[in-house]
Amino acid sequence: GVWYKWISNCLASSGAAFIKYGQWSSTRPDMFPMALCDALSELHNSAPAHSWNYTQEQVESSLDIPQGSLLEVFESFDRKPLA
């Protein structure tokens, strides 16, 4: 129903960990109603993406390297996400 789609949308807008939980949950019809699993399965194909700038900022911050130096530190860094 409508609530299952709402739950899926809430997870999608709550960040990567919640999206991953929703993706996992979609594969568990033994634990959740099939209609919920169907709604959550949309998170596999249509999870929201963030920008390259966000990725760059997060990686630079995590590695404690100067802002804007990511491409200088790594020989290559693919801007396109794998998943």
PDB file of N, CA and C in Angstrom:
ATOM      1  N   GLY A   1       0.777  -1.179   0.000  1.00  0.00           N
ATOM      2  CA  GLY A   1       0.000   0.000   0.000  1.00  0.00           C
ATOM      3  C   GLY A   1       0.834   1.266   0.000  1.00  0.00           C
ATOM      4  N   VAL A   2       0.107   2.300   0.235  1.00  0.00           N
ATOM      5  CA  VAL A   2       0.692   3.634   0.230  1.00  0.00           C
ATOM      6  C   VAL A   2       1.742   3.797   1.334  1.00  0.00           C
ATOM      7  N   TRP A   3       1.541   3.121   2.448  1.00  0.00           N
ATOM      8  CA  TRP A   3       2.502   3.234   3.544  1.00  0.00           C
ATOM      9  C   TRP A   3       3.861   2.619   3.186  1.00  0.00           C
ATOM     10  N   TYR A   4       3.830   1.556   2.416  1.00  0.00           N
ATOM     11  CA  TYR A   4       5.088   0.921   2.034  1.00  0.00           C
ATOM     12  C   TYR A   4       5.908   1.836   1.141  1.00  0.00           C
ATOM     13  N   LYS A   5       5.263   2.526   0.217  1.00  0.00           N
ATOM     14  CA  LYS A   5       5.967   3.479  -0.649  1.00  0.00           C
ATOM     15  C   LYS A   5       6.508   4.632   0.187  1.00  0.00           C
ATOM     16  N   TRP A   6       5.725   5.069   1.181  1.00  0.00           N
ATOM     17  CA  TRP A   6       6.155   6.145   2.061  1.00  0.00           C
ATOM     18  C   TRP A   6       7.397   5.727   2.850  1.00  0.00           C
ATOM     19  N   ILE A   7       7.396   4.495   3.370  1.00  0.00           N
ATOM     20  CA  ILE A   7       8.567   3.984   4.096  1.00  0.00           C
ATOM     21  C   ILE A   7       9.788   3.964   3.186  1.00  0.00           C
ATOM     22  N   SER A   8       9.614   3.504   1.965  1.00  0.00           N
ATOM     23  CA  SER A   8      10.714   3.465   1.000  1.00  0.00           C
ATOM     24  C   SER A   8      11.259   4.864   0.740  1.00  0.00           C
ATOM     25  N   ASN A   9      10.375   5.840   0.559  1.00  0.00           N
ATOM     26  CA  ASN A   9      10.803   7.224   0.323  1.00  0.00           C
ATOM     27  C   ASN A   9      11.530   7.797   1.531  1.00  0.00           C
ATOM     28  N   CYS A  10      11.053   7.482   2.726  1.00  0.00           N
ATOM     29  CA  CYS A  10      11.725   7.962   3.946  1.00  0.00           C
ATOM     30  C   CYS A  10      13.136   7.393   4.052  1.00  0.00           C
ATOM     31  N   LEU A  11      13.281   6.106   3.777  1.00  0.00           N
ATOM     32  CA  LEU A  11      14.612   5.494   3.826  1.00  0.00           C
ATOM     33  C   LEU A  11      15.525   6.115   2.774  1.00  0.00           C
ATOM     34  N   ALA A  12      14.990   6.357   1.577  1.00  0.00           N
ATOM     35  CA  ALA A  12      15.790   6.922   0.492  1.00  0.00           C
ATOM     36  C   ALA A  12      16.304   8.314   0.834  1.00  0.00           C
ATOM     37  N   SER A  13      15.537   9.065   1.588  1.00  0.00           N
ATOM     38  CA  SER A  13      15.952  10.430   1.912  1.00  0.00           C
ATOM     39  C   SER A  13      16.726  10.522   3.220  1.00  0.00           C
ATOM     40  N   SER A  14      16.964   9.392   3.865  1.00  0.00           N
ATOM     41  CA  SER A  14      17.631   9.405   5.169  1.00  0.00           C
ATOM     42  C   SER A  14      19.121   9.086   5.118  1.00  0.00           C
ATOM     43  N   GLY A  15      19.640   8.784   3.956  1.00  0.00           N
ATOM     44  CA  GLY A  15      21.077   8.558   3.843  1.00  0.00           C
ATOM     45  C   GLY A  15      21.438   7.139   3.480  1.00  0.00           C
ATOM     46  N   ALA A  16      22.725   6.961   3.247  1.00  0.00           N
ATOM     47  CA  ALA A  16      23.245   5.704   2.701  1.00  0.00           C
ATOM     48  C   ALA A  16      22.977   4.493   3.588  1.00  0.00           C
ATOM     49  N   ALA A  17      23.143   4.627   4.887  1.00  0.00           N
ATOM     50  CA  ALA A  17      22.940   3.477   5.779  1.00  0.00           C
ATOM     51  C   ALA A  17      21.484   3.021   5.748  1.00  0.00           C
ATOM     52  N   PHE A  18      20.549   3.969   5.695  1.00  0.00           N
ATOM     53  CA  PHE A  18      19.132   3.614   5.653  1.00  0.00           C
ATOM     54  C   PHE A  18      18.756   3.015   4.304  1.00  0.00           C
ATOM     55  N   ILE A  19      19.351   3.527   3.234  1.00  0.00           N
ATOM     56  CA  ILE A  19      19.118   2.958   1.909  1.00  0.00           C
ATOM     57  C   ILE A  19      19.605   1.515   1.880  1.00  0.00           C
ATOM     58  N   LYS A  20      20.788   1.278   2.415  1.00  0.00           N
ATOM     59  CA  LYS A  20      21.338  -0.081   2.445  1.00  0.00           C
ATOM     60  C   LYS A  20      20.436  -1.006   3.259  1.00  0.00           C
ATOM     61  N   TYR A  21      19.920  -0.523   4.390  1.00  0.00           N
ATOM     62  CA  TYR A  21      19.002  -1.330   5.197  1.00  0.00           C
ATOM     63  C   TYR A  21      17.743  -1.657   4.391  1.00  0.00           C
ATOM     64  N   GLY A  22      17.213  -0.669   3.677  1.00  0.00           N
ATOM     65  CA  GLY A  22      16.033  -0.909   2.852  1.00  0.00           C
ATOM     66  C   GLY A  22      16.297  -1.906   1.742  1.00  0.00           C
ATOM     67  N   GLN A  23      17.482  -1.812   1.132  1.00  0.00           N
ATOM     68  CA  GLN A  23      17.854  -2.767   0.087  1.00  0.00           C
ATOM     69  C   GLN A  23      17.933  -4.176   0.655  1.00  0.00           C
ATOM     70  N   TRP A  24      18.552  -4.303   1.805  1.00  0.00           N
ATOM     71  CA  TRP A  24      18.638  -5.621   2.451  1.00  0.00           C
ATOM     72  C   TRP A  24      17.245  -6.136   2.790  1.00  0.00           C
ATOM     73  N   SER A  25      16.425  -5.271   3.368  1.00  0.00           N
ATOM     74  CA  SER A  25      15.082  -5.671   3.780  1.00  0.00           C
ATOM     75  C   SER A  25      14.243  -6.141   2.597  1.00  0.00           C
ATOM     76  N   SER A  26      14.484  -5.546   1.429  1.00  0.00           N
ATOM     77  CA  SER A  26      13.699  -5.922   0.252  1.00  0.00           C
ATOM     78  C   SER A  26      13.943  -7.364  -0.171  1.00  0.00           C
ATOM     79  N   THR A  27      15.037  -7.928   0.276  1.00  0.00           N
ATOM     80  CA  THR A  27      15.371  -9.307  -0.099  1.00  0.00           C
ATOM     81  C   THR A  27      14.906 -10.316   0.939  1.00  0.00           C
ATOM     82  N   ARG A  28      14.124  -9.864   1.920  1.00  0.00           N
ATOM     83  CA  ARG A  28      13.718 -10.732   3.027  1.00  0.00           C
ATOM     84  C   ARG A  28      12.203 -10.882   3.140  1.00  0.00           C
ATOM     85  N   PRO A  29      11.566 -11.494   2.133  1.00  0.00           N
ATOM     86  CA  PRO A  29      10.116 -11.704   2.251  1.00  0.00           C
ATOM     87  C   PRO A  29       9.743 -12.694   3.353  1.00  0.00           C
ATOM     88  N   ASP A  30      10.727 -13.383   3.910  1.00  0.00           N
ATOM     89  CA  ASP A  30      10.457 -14.251   5.048  1.00  0.00           C
ATOM     90  C   ASP A  30      10.277 -13.448   6.337  1.00  0.00           C
ATOM     91  N   MET A  31      10.711 -12.185   6.321  1.00  0.00           N
ATOM     92  CA  MET A  31      10.612 -11.333   7.503  1.00  0.00           C
ATOM     93  C   MET A  31       9.604 -10.198   7.353  1.00  0.00           C
ATOM     94  N   PHE A  32       9.391  -9.761   6.101  1.00  0.00           N
ATOM     95  CA  PHE A  32       8.544  -8.602   5.844  1.00  0.00           C
ATOM     96  C   PHE A  32       7.474  -8.950   4.812  1.00  0.00           C
ATOM     97  N   PRO A  33       6.355  -8.239   4.814  1.00  0.00           N
ATOM     98  CA  PRO A  33       5.326  -8.498   3.805  1.00  0.00           C
ATOM     99  C   PRO A  33       5.875  -8.296   2.388  1.00  0.00           C
ATOM    100  N   MET A  34       5.426  -9.103   1.477  1.00  0.00           N
ATOM    101  CA  MET A  34       5.920  -9.044   0.097  1.00  0.00           C
ATOM    102  C   MET A  34       5.684  -7.671  -0.518  1.00  0.00           C
ATOM    103  N   ALA A  35       4.572  -7.026  -0.194  1.00  0.00           N
ATOM    104  CA  ALA A  35       4.294  -5.696  -0.741  1.00  0.00           C
ATOM    105  C   ALA A  35       5.345  -4.684  -0.267  1.00  0.00           C
ATOM    106  N   LEU A  36       5.808  -4.815   0.966  1.00  0.00           N
ATOM    107  CA  LEU A  36       6.865  -3.942   1.468  1.00  0.00           C
ATOM    108  C   LEU A  36       8.183  -4.243   0.751  1.00  0.00           C
ATOM    109  N   CYS A  37       8.483  -5.510   0.571  1.00  0.00           N
ATOM    110  CA  CYS A  37       9.703  -5.901  -0.143  1.00  0.00           C
ATOM    111  C   CYS A  37       9.692  -5.336  -1.561  1.00  0.00           C
ATOM    112  N   ASP A  38       8.543  -5.377  -2.210  1.00  0.00           N
ATOM    113  CA  ASP A  38       8.431  -4.827  -3.563  1.00  0.00           C
ATOM    114  C   ASP A  38       8.703  -3.325  -3.563  1.00  0.00           C
ATOM    115  N   ALA A  39       8.136  -2.609  -2.600  1.00  0.00           N
ATOM    116  CA  ALA A  39       8.348  -1.159  -2.520  1.00  0.00           C
ATOM    117  C   ALA A  39       9.809  -0.844  -2.220  1.00  0.00           C
ATOM    118  N   LEU A  40      10.415  -1.603  -1.323  1.00  0.00           N
ATOM    119  CA  LEU A  40      11.810  -1.354  -0.960  1.00  0.00           C
ATOM    120  C   LEU A  40      12.771  -1.754  -2.073  1.00  0.00           C
ATOM    121  N   SER A  41      12.356  -2.649  -2.940  1.00  0.00           N
ATOM    122  CA  SER A  41      13.247  -3.073  -4.032  1.00  0.00           C
ATOM    123  C   SER A  41      13.548  -1.925  -4.986  1.00  0.00           C
ATOM    124  N   GLU A  42      12.718  -0.892  -4.980  1.00  0.00           N
ATOM    125  CA  GLU A  42      12.994   0.293  -5.797  1.00  0.00           C
ATOM    126  C   GLU A  42      14.303   0.962  -5.372  1.00  0.00           C
ATOM    127  N   LEU A  43      14.713   0.744  -4.137  1.00  0.00           N
ATOM    128  CA  LEU A  43      15.950   1.348  -3.647  1.00  0.00           C
ATOM    129  C   LEU A  43      17.181   0.766  -4.336  1.00  0.00           C
ATOM    130  N   HIS A  44      17.038  -0.392  -4.961  1.00  0.00           N
ATOM    131  CA  HIS A  44      18.165  -0.969  -5.704  1.00  0.00           C
ATOM    132  C   HIS A  44      18.429  -0.193  -6.979  1.00  0.00           C
ATOM    133  N   ASN A  45      17.370   0.265  -7.632  1.00  0.00           N
ATOM    134  CA  ASN A  45      17.501   0.916  -8.938  1.00  0.00           C
ATOM    135  C   ASN A  45      17.454   2.428  -8.885  1.00  0.00           C
ATOM    136  N   SER A  46      16.772   2.965  -7.902  1.00  0.00           N
ATOM    137  CA  SER A  46      16.540   4.408  -7.924  1.00  0.00           C
ATOM    138  C   SER A  46      17.000   5.108  -6.656  1.00  0.00           C
ATOM    139  N   ALA A  47      18.036   4.609  -6.037  1.00  0.00           N
ATOM    140  CA  ALA A  47      18.565   5.278  -4.855  1.00  0.00           C
ATOM    141  C   ALA A  47      19.134   6.628  -5.262  1.00  0.00           C
ATOM    142  N   PRO A  48      18.886   7.650  -4.464  1.00  0.00           N
ATOM    143  CA  PRO A  48      19.392   8.973  -4.828  1.00  0.00           C
ATOM    144  C   PRO A  48      20.921   9.012  -4.800  1.00  0.00           C
ATOM    145  N   ALA A  49      21.483   9.734  -5.725  1.00  0.00           N
ATOM    146  CA  ALA A  49      22.941   9.872  -5.800  1.00  0.00           C
ATOM    147  C   ALA A  49      23.353  11.240  -5.272  1.00  0.00           C
ATOM    148  N   HIS A  50      24.568  11.339  -4.809  1.00  0.00           N
ATOM    149  CA  HIS A  50      25.081  12.653  -4.424  1.00  0.00           C
ATOM    150  C   HIS A  50      26.111  13.099  -5.461  1.00  0.00           C
ATOM    151  N   SER A  51      26.516  14.333  -5.358  1.00  0.00           N
ATOM    152  CA  SER A  51      27.395  14.928  -6.370  1.00  0.00           C
ATOM    153  C   SER A  51      28.853  14.480  -6.196  1.00  0.00           C
ATOM    154  N   TRP A  52      29.622  14.674  -7.259  1.00  0.00           N
ATOM    155  CA  TRP A  52      31.050  14.408  -7.207  1.00  0.00           C
ATOM    156  C   TRP A  52      31.708  15.299  -6.150  1.00  0.00           C
ATOM    157  N   ASN A  53      31.289  16.545  -6.045  1.00  0.00           N
ATOM    158  CA  ASN A  53      31.877  17.454  -5.051  1.00  0.00           C
ATOM    159  C   ASN A  53      31.695  16.924  -3.641  1.00  0.00           C
ATOM    160  N   TYR A  54      30.528  16.361  -3.357  1.00  0.00           N
ATOM    161  CA  TYR A  54      30.282  15.778  -2.038  1.00  0.00           C
ATOM    162  C   TYR A  54      31.233  14.609  -1.795  1.00  0.00           C
ATOM    163  N   THR A  55      31.365  13.739  -2.786  1.00  0.00           N
ATOM    164  CA  THR A  55      32.268  12.595  -2.667  1.00  0.00           C
ATOM    165  C   THR A  55      33.690  13.071  -2.410  1.00  0.00           C
ATOM    166  N   GLN A  56      34.133  14.025  -3.206  1.00  0.00           N
ATOM    167  CA  GLN A  56      35.491  14.540  -3.076  1.00  0.00           C
ATOM    168  C   GLN A  56      35.716  15.126  -1.680  1.00  0.00           C
ATOM    169  N   GLU A  57      34.784  15.918  -1.196  1.00  0.00           N
ATOM    170  CA  GLU A  57      34.915  16.515   0.133  1.00  0.00           C
ATOM    171  C   GLU A  57      34.986  15.447   1.229  1.00  0.00           C
ATOM    172  N   GLN A  58      34.151  14.425   1.116  1.00  0.00           N
ATOM    173  CA  GLN A  58      34.125  13.376   2.134  1.00  0.00           C
ATOM    174  C   GLN A  58      35.413  12.565   2.150  1.00  0.00           C
ATOM    175  N   VAL A  59      35.924  12.214   0.976  1.00  0.00           N
ATOM    176  CA  VAL A  59      37.157  11.428   0.904  1.00  0.00           C
ATOM    177  C   VAL A  59      38.339  12.259   1.405  1.00  0.00           C
ATOM    178  N   GLU A  60      38.411  13.506   0.991  1.00  0.00           N
ATOM    179  CA  GLU A  60      39.514  14.371   1.440  1.00  0.00           C
ATOM    180  C   GLU A  60      39.466  14.568   2.953  1.00  0.00           C
ATOM    181  N   SER A  61      38.281  14.767   3.474  1.00  0.00           N
ATOM    182  CA  SER A  61      38.136  14.947   4.919  1.00  0.00           C
ATOM    183  C   SER A  61      38.530  13.667   5.666  1.00  0.00           C
ATOM    184  N   SER A  62      38.091  12.529   5.161  1.00  0.00           N
ATOM    185  CA  SER A  62      38.394  11.247   5.816  1.00  0.00           C
ATOM    186  C   SER A  62      39.883  10.942   5.810  1.00  0.00           C
ATOM    187  N   LEU A  63      40.550  11.323   4.727  1.00  0.00           N
ATOM    188  CA  LEU A  63      41.987  11.055   4.609  1.00  0.00           C
ATOM    189  C   LEU A  63      42.841  12.182   5.178  1.00  0.00           C
ATOM    190  N   ASP A  64      42.177  13.250   5.637  1.00  0.00           N
ATOM    191  CA  ASP A  64      42.874  14.411   6.197  1.00  0.00           C
ATOM    192  C   ASP A  64      43.899  14.978   5.216  1.00  0.00           C
ATOM    193  N   ILE A  65      43.457  15.147   3.972  1.00  0.00           N
ATOM    194  CA  ILE A  65      44.307  15.760   2.955  1.00  0.00           C
ATOM    195  C   ILE A  65      43.702  17.118   2.596  1.00  0.00           C
ATOM    196  N   PRO A  66      44.508  18.027   2.075  1.00  0.00           N
ATOM    197  CA  PRO A  66      43.999  19.371   1.768  1.00  0.00           C
ATOM    198  C   PRO A  66      42.830  19.335   0.791  1.00  0.00           C
ATOM    199  N   GLN A  67      41.898  20.267   1.005  1.00  0.00           N
ATOM    200  CA  GLN A  67      40.736  20.366   0.134  1.00  0.00           C
ATOM    201  C   GLN A  67      41.179  20.623  -1.307  1.00  0.00           C
ATOM    202  N   GLY A  68      40.621  19.870  -2.235  1.00  0.00           N
ATOM    203  CA  GLY A  68      40.930  20.021  -3.650  1.00  0.00           C
ATOM    204  C   GLY A  68      42.136  19.233  -4.119  1.00  0.00           C
ATOM    205  N   SER A  69      42.741  18.414  -3.238  1.00  0.00           N
ATOM    206  CA  SER A  69      43.968  17.703  -3.610  1.00  0.00           C
ATOM    207  C   SER A  69      43.743  16.224  -3.921  1.00  0.00           C
ATOM    208  N   LEU A  70      42.503  15.767  -3.925  1.00  0.00           N
ATOM    209  CA  LEU A  70      42.216  14.346  -4.112  1.00  0.00           C
ATOM    210  C   LEU A  70      42.843  13.799  -5.383  1.00  0.00           C
ATOM    211  N   LEU A  71      42.689  14.506  -6.483  1.00  0.00           N
ATOM    212  CA  LEU A  71      43.206  14.023  -7.757  1.00  0.00           C
ATOM    213  C   LEU A  71      44.725  14.141  -7.857  1.00  0.00           C
ATOM    214  N   GLU A  72      45.330  14.876  -6.955  1.00  0.00           N
ATOM    215  CA  GLU A  72      46.788  14.945  -6.890  1.00  0.00           C
ATOM    216  C   GLU A  72      47.358  13.799  -6.058  1.00  0.00           C
ATOM    217  N   VAL A  73      46.592  13.334  -5.085  1.00  0.00           N
ATOM    218  CA  VAL A  73      47.042  12.280  -4.179  1.00  0.00           C
ATOM    219  C   VAL A  73      46.923  10.908  -4.834  1.00  0.00           C
ATOM    220  N   PHE A  74      45.845  10.685  -5.574  1.00  0.00           N
ATOM    221  CA  PHE A  74      45.605   9.397  -6.227  1.00  0.00           C
ATOM    222  C   PHE A  74      46.001   9.463  -7.691  1.00  0.00           C
ATOM    223  N   GLU A  75      46.581   8.397  -8.173  1.00  0.00           N
ATOM    224  CA  GLU A  75      46.938   8.311  -9.583  1.00  0.00           C
ATOM    225  C   GLU A  75      45.689   8.381 -10.452  1.00  0.00           C
ATOM    226  N   SER A  76      44.622   7.726  -9.992  1.00  0.00           N
ATOM    227  CA  SER A  76      43.334   7.821 -10.688  1.00  0.00           C
ATOM    228  C   SER A  76      42.218   7.689  -9.663  1.00  0.00           C
ATOM    229  N   PHE A  77      41.113   8.321  -9.945  1.00  0.00           N
ATOM    230  CA  PHE A  77      39.944   8.269  -9.073  1.00  0.00           C
ATOM    231  C   PHE A  77      38.733   8.466  -9.963  1.00  0.00           C
ATOM    232  N   ASP A  78      37.965   7.398 -10.157  1.00  0.00           N
ATOM    233  CA  ASP A  78      36.832   7.438 -11.062  1.00  0.00           C
ATOM    234  C   ASP A  78      35.704   8.264 -10.449  1.00  0.00           C
ATOM    235  N   ARG A  79      35.256   9.271 -11.169  1.00  0.00           N
ATOM    236  CA  ARG A  79      34.183  10.130 -10.672  1.00  0.00           C
ATOM    237  C   ARG A  79      32.824   9.444 -10.754  1.00  0.00           C
ATOM    238  N   LYS A  80      32.709   8.428 -11.578  1.00  0.00           N
ATOM    239  CA  LYS A  80      31.436   7.728 -11.727  1.00  0.00           C
ATOM    240  C   LYS A  80      31.333   6.617 -10.681  1.00  0.00           C
ATOM    241  N   PRO A  81      30.276   6.608  -9.879  1.00  0.00           N
ATOM    242  CA  PRO A  81      30.140   5.563  -8.842  1.00  0.00           C
ATOM    243  C   PRO A  81      29.927   4.188  -9.459  1.00  0.00           C
ATOM    244  N   LEU A  82      30.405   3.169  -8.769  1.00  0.00           N
ATOM    245  CA  LEU A  82      30.234   1.795  -9.219  1.00  0.00           C
ATOM    246  C   LEU A  82      28.815   1.301  -8.985  1.00  0.00           C
ATOM    247  N   ALA A  83      28.214   1.755  -7.918  1.00  0.00           N
ATOM    248  CA  ALA A  83      26.863   1.291  -7.589  1.00  0.00           C
ATOM    249  C   ALA A  83      26.066   2.418  -6.989  1.00  0.00           C
TER     250      ALA A  83
END
